[in-house]
Amino acid sequence: MIASVAGRVTGIGPEAAVIEVGGVGMLVHCTPGTLAGLRVGEPGRLATSLVVREESLTLYGFASDDERAVFEMLQTASGVGPRIALAMLAVHTPSALRVAVASADIKALTMVPGIGQKGAQRIVLELKGKLGTPEEAVNAALGGGAPVTPWRDHVHSGLVGLGYSARDADEAVAAVAPEADAEVAAGRAPQVAALLKSALRALSVR
């Protein structure tokens, strides 16, 4: 299994990025949120999952090990392949998916393209108790360190890209964390664009 790729980002498309590893361009399929955290010409690192089919080898990339773990667990449900699993992570964060499955929130699951009501009910039935509680996060070290939350990385990199220092970005991310936590508690995925605006407001009133 290819657990991760790291190297210079040479291309970014609507659904995938190309990362050069040892002179070889690796095509990695990602969610829009993960792609937003990459920049062409800059170093990038993604946790990855290799899906092997008789006619293809497809690499999927994620901003965190937690996203990859959820992606792989989602595929243990009947009718959920890699593309549906990736779509679920494009619409919801891992924590929001844990909330949706734990609370049998069919409406939240049917927000994902390709998942109908019966499919959502089947996912709840088959995955309840397997994704963990909303507070848990799976990482590569199995308990080594705090979980990585994708929205934090995206907001932080967005602020740094706008010219703020890493320290200012850290403070702004901490300031908007309650807003993101409230979204997750309500079963919704934190919206990076909205959190970035809130972070900019927080920086402007310091």
Protein backbone atom coordinates (compact mmCIF):
# COMPACT_ATOMS: atom_id res chain seq x y z
CA MET A 1 0.00 0.00 0.00
CA ILE A 2 1.15 3.53 -0.76
CA ALA A 3 0.46 5.25 2.57
CA SER A 4 1.49 8.78 1.53
CA VAL A 5 3.09 10.81 -1.22
CA ALA A 6 5.24 13.90 -0.81
CA GLY A 7 6.85 16.10 -3.41
CA ARG A 8 6.40 19.13 -5.64
CA VAL A 9 2.86 19.77 -6.84
CA THR A 10 3.05 19.99 -10.64
CA GLY A 11 -0.63 20.20 -11.48
CA ILE A 12 -4.07 20.67 -9.95
CA GLY A 13 -7.35 19.86 -11.69
CA PRO A 14 -11.01 19.83 -10.63
CA GLU A 15 -10.77 16.35 -9.14
CA ALA A 16 -7.09 15.47 -8.83
CA ALA A 17 -3.56 16.74 -8.35
CA VAL A 18 -0.23 15.59 -9.73
CA ILE A 19 2.62 15.30 -7.23
CA GLU A 20 6.11 14.57 -8.49
CA VAL A 21 7.75 11.81 -6.44
CA GLY A 22 11.26 10.76 -7.45
CA GLY A 23 10.80 12.12 -10.95
CA VAL A 24 7.44 10.38 -11.43
CA GLY A 25 4.19 12.34 -11.54
CA MET A 26 1.62 10.65 -9.30
CA LEU A 27 -2.03 11.41 -10.17
CA VAL A 28 -3.94 11.60 -6.88
CA HIS A 29 -7.73 11.98 -6.73
CA CYS A 30 -8.81 14.34 -3.92
CA THR A 31 -11.76 16.24 -2.52
CA PRO A 32 -12.07 19.95 -3.38
CA GLY A 33 -11.11 20.78 0.21
CA THR A 34 -7.87 18.83 -0.04
CA LEU A 35 -7.06 20.34 -3.44
CA ALA A 36 -7.58 23.83 -1.98
CA GLY A 37 -4.68 23.20 0.39
CA LEU A 38 -2.22 22.51 -2.44
CA ARG A 39 -0.29 25.02 -4.55
CA VAL A 40 1.33 24.33 -7.93
CA GLY A 41 5.11 24.56 -7.69
CA GLU A 42 5.15 24.12 -3.92
CA PRO A 43 5.82 20.99 -1.83
CA GLY A 44 2.78 18.95 -0.90
CA ARG A 45 2.11 15.86 1.18
CA LEU A 46 -1.01 13.71 1.16
CA ALA A 47 -2.05 10.63 3.08
CA THR A 48 -3.08 8.15 0.39
CA SER A 49 -5.11 5.04 -0.25
CA LEU A 50 -4.46 2.84 -3.29
CA VAL A 51 -7.56 1.21 -4.78
CA VAL A 52 -6.69 -1.82 -6.90
CA ARG A 53 -9.06 -3.00 -9.61
CA GLU A 54 -8.50 -5.58 -12.33
CA GLU A 55 -8.21 -2.84 -14.95
CA SER A 56 -6.75 0.02 -12.92
CA LEU A 57 -4.73 1.30 -9.97
CA THR A 58 -6.19 4.50 -8.56
CA LEU A 59 -4.59 6.63 -5.86
CA TYR A 60 -6.76 8.76 -3.56
CA GLY A 61 -5.26 11.52 -1.44
CA PHE A 62 -6.30 13.18 1.81
CA ALA A 63 -5.27 16.12 3.95
CA SER A 64 -5.09 13.91 7.05
CA ASP A 65 -4.68 10.30 8.13
CA ASP A 66 -8.12 10.55 9.75
CA GLU A 67 -9.75 11.32 6.39
CA ARG A 68 -8.00 8.33 4.83
CA ALA A 69 -9.12 6.02 7.64
CA VAL A 70 -12.74 7.16 7.27
CA PHE A 71 -12.51 6.82 3.46
CA GLU A 72 -11.41 3.20 3.81
CA MET A 73 -14.01 2.38 6.46
CA LEU A 74 -16.83 3.88 4.38
CA GLN A 75 -16.07 1.39 1.62
CA THR A 76 -16.88 -1.53 3.90
CA ALA A 77 -20.56 -0.56 3.59
CA SER A 78 -22.53 -2.24 0.81
CA GLY A 79 -22.78 -0.13 -2.32
CA VAL A 80 -20.10 2.36 -1.27
CA GLY A 81 -17.14 2.41 -3.62
CA PRO A 82 -14.18 4.79 -3.61
CA ARG A 83 -15.93 7.50 -5.62
CA ILE A 84 -18.95 7.59 -3.31
CA ALA A 85 -16.66 7.51 -0.27
CA LEU A 86 -14.68 10.44 -1.67
CA ALA A 87 -17.91 12.32 -2.40
CA MET A 88 -18.99 11.81 1.22
CA LEU A 89 -15.74 13.39 2.42
CA ALA A 90 -16.19 16.22 -0.09
CA VAL A 91 -19.54 17.09 1.49
CA HIS A 92 -18.84 16.25 5.14
CA THR A 93 -15.77 16.22 7.39
CA PRO A 94 -14.90 12.95 9.15
CA SER A 95 -16.38 14.32 12.38
CA ALA A 96 -19.61 15.34 10.63
CA LEU A 97 -19.90 11.86 9.12
CA ARG A 98 -19.43 10.33 12.56
CA VAL A 99 -22.25 12.53 13.86
CA ALA A 100 -24.50 11.65 10.92
CA VAL A 101 -23.98 7.90 11.26
CA ALA A 102 -24.17 7.87 15.06
CA SER A 103 -27.41 9.89 15.05
CA ALA A 104 -28.90 8.17 11.97
CA ASP A 105 -29.13 11.54 10.21
CA ILE A 106 -30.44 10.30 6.86
CA LYS A 107 -30.95 13.84 5.57
CA ALA A 108 -27.27 14.69 6.04
CA LEU A 109 -26.15 11.53 4.25
CA THR A 110 -28.49 12.05 1.29
CA MET A 111 -26.85 15.43 0.72
CA VAL A 112 -24.05 13.42 -0.90
CA PRO A 113 -24.56 12.95 -4.66
CA GLY A 114 -25.23 9.30 -5.42
CA ILE A 115 -26.69 8.41 -2.02
CA GLY A 116 -30.44 7.97 -1.77
CA GLN A 117 -32.56 7.31 1.28
CA LYS A 118 -32.21 3.52 1.14
CA GLY A 119 -28.48 3.81 0.64
CA ALA A 120 -28.20 6.18 3.60
CA GLN A 121 -30.18 3.81 5.80
CA ARG A 122 -27.91 0.94 4.79
CA ILE A 123 -24.79 3.00 5.59
CA VAL A 124 -26.13 3.82 9.05
CA LEU A 125 -27.02 0.18 9.69
CA GLU A 126 -23.66 -1.19 8.55
CA LEU A 127 -21.32 1.51 9.88
CA LYS A 128 -22.89 2.50 13.18
CA GLY A 129 -20.26 1.95 15.86
CA LYS A 130 -17.47 1.42 13.31
CA LEU A 131 -16.55 5.03 12.52
CA GLY A 132 -16.05 5.87 16.19
CA THR A 133 -17.65 8.63 18.21
CA PRO A 134 -17.68 12.20 16.87
CA GLU A 135 -14.91 13.12 19.31
CA GLU A 136 -12.56 10.36 18.20
CA ALA A 137 -10.03 10.68 15.41
CA VAL A 138 -7.87 7.97 13.93
CA ASN A 139 -4.25 8.82 13.08
CA ALA A 140 -1.35 6.85 11.73
CA ALA A 141 0.30 6.60 15.11
CA LEU A 142 -2.84 5.19 16.71
CA GLY A 143 -3.03 7.72 19.49
CA GLY A 144 0.15 9.63 18.81
CA GLY A 145 -0.74 13.30 18.88
CA ALA A 146 -3.83 15.39 18.31
CA PRO A 147 -6.06 14.65 15.30
CA VAL A 148 -5.68 16.81 12.23
CA THR A 149 -8.81 18.72 11.30
CA PRO A 150 -8.88 19.69 7.60
CA TRP A 151 -10.60 23.06 7.97
CA ARG A 152 -7.82 24.26 10.28
CA ASP A 153 -5.17 23.56 7.65
CA HIS A 154 -7.16 25.25 4.90
CA VAL A 155 -7.92 28.39 6.90
CA HIS A 156 -4.35 28.60 8.18
CA SER A 157 -2.81 28.23 4.71
CA GLY A 158 -5.30 30.73 3.30
CA LEU A 159 -4.30 33.36 5.87
CA VAL A 160 -0.60 32.77 5.32
CA GLY A 161 -1.22 33.06 1.59
CA LEU A 162 -2.80 36.47 2.22
CA GLY A 163 0.36 37.66 3.93
CA TYR A 164 -0.36 37.02 7.61
CA SER A 165 2.33 35.47 9.79
CA ALA A 166 2.01 31.87 10.94
CA ARG A 167 1.51 33.14 14.50
CA ASP A 168 -1.33 35.46 13.45
CA ALA A 169 -2.89 32.60 11.49
CA ASP A 170 -2.67 30.31 14.53
CA GLU A 171 -4.45 32.90 16.69
CA ALA A 172 -7.18 33.44 14.08
CA VAL A 173 -7.77 29.71 13.69
CA ALA A 174 -8.16 29.40 17.46
CA ALA A 175 -10.62 32.31 17.41
CA VAL A 176 -12.93 30.66 14.87
CA ALA A 177 -12.65 27.13 16.29
CA PRO A 178 -15.88 27.50 18.36
CA GLU A 179 -17.76 28.43 15.18
CA ALA A 180 -16.46 25.30 13.43
CA ASP A 181 -17.19 23.11 16.45
CA ALA A 182 -20.77 24.37 16.51
CA GLU A 183 -21.21 23.36 12.86
CA VAL A 184 -19.85 19.87 13.54
CA ALA A 185 -22.09 19.48 16.61
CA ALA A 186 -25.07 20.35 14.41
CA GLY A 187 -24.06 17.66 11.93
CA ARG A 188 -22.83 20.09 9.28
CA ALA A 189 -19.44 20.35 7.65
CA PRO A 190 -17.54 23.54 8.57
CA GLN A 191 -17.35 25.80 5.51
CA VAL A 192 -13.78 26.94 4.89
CA ALA A 193 -14.81 30.11 3.05
CA ALA A 194 -17.07 31.25 5.90
CA LEU A 195 -14.44 30.43 8.53
CA LEU A 196 -11.79 32.32 6.55
CA LYS A 197 -14.01 35.41 6.53
CA SER A 198 -14.55 35.09 10.28
CA ALA A 199 -10.80 34.69 10.78
CA LEU A 200 -10.13 37.86 8.77
CA ARG A 201 -12.66 39.74 10.91
CA ALA A 202 -10.98 38.47 14.05
CA LEU A 203 -7.60 39.69 12.80
CA SER A 204 -8.99 43.11 11.84
CA VAL A 205 -10.31 43.87 15.35
CA ARG A 206 -7.23 42.83 17.33
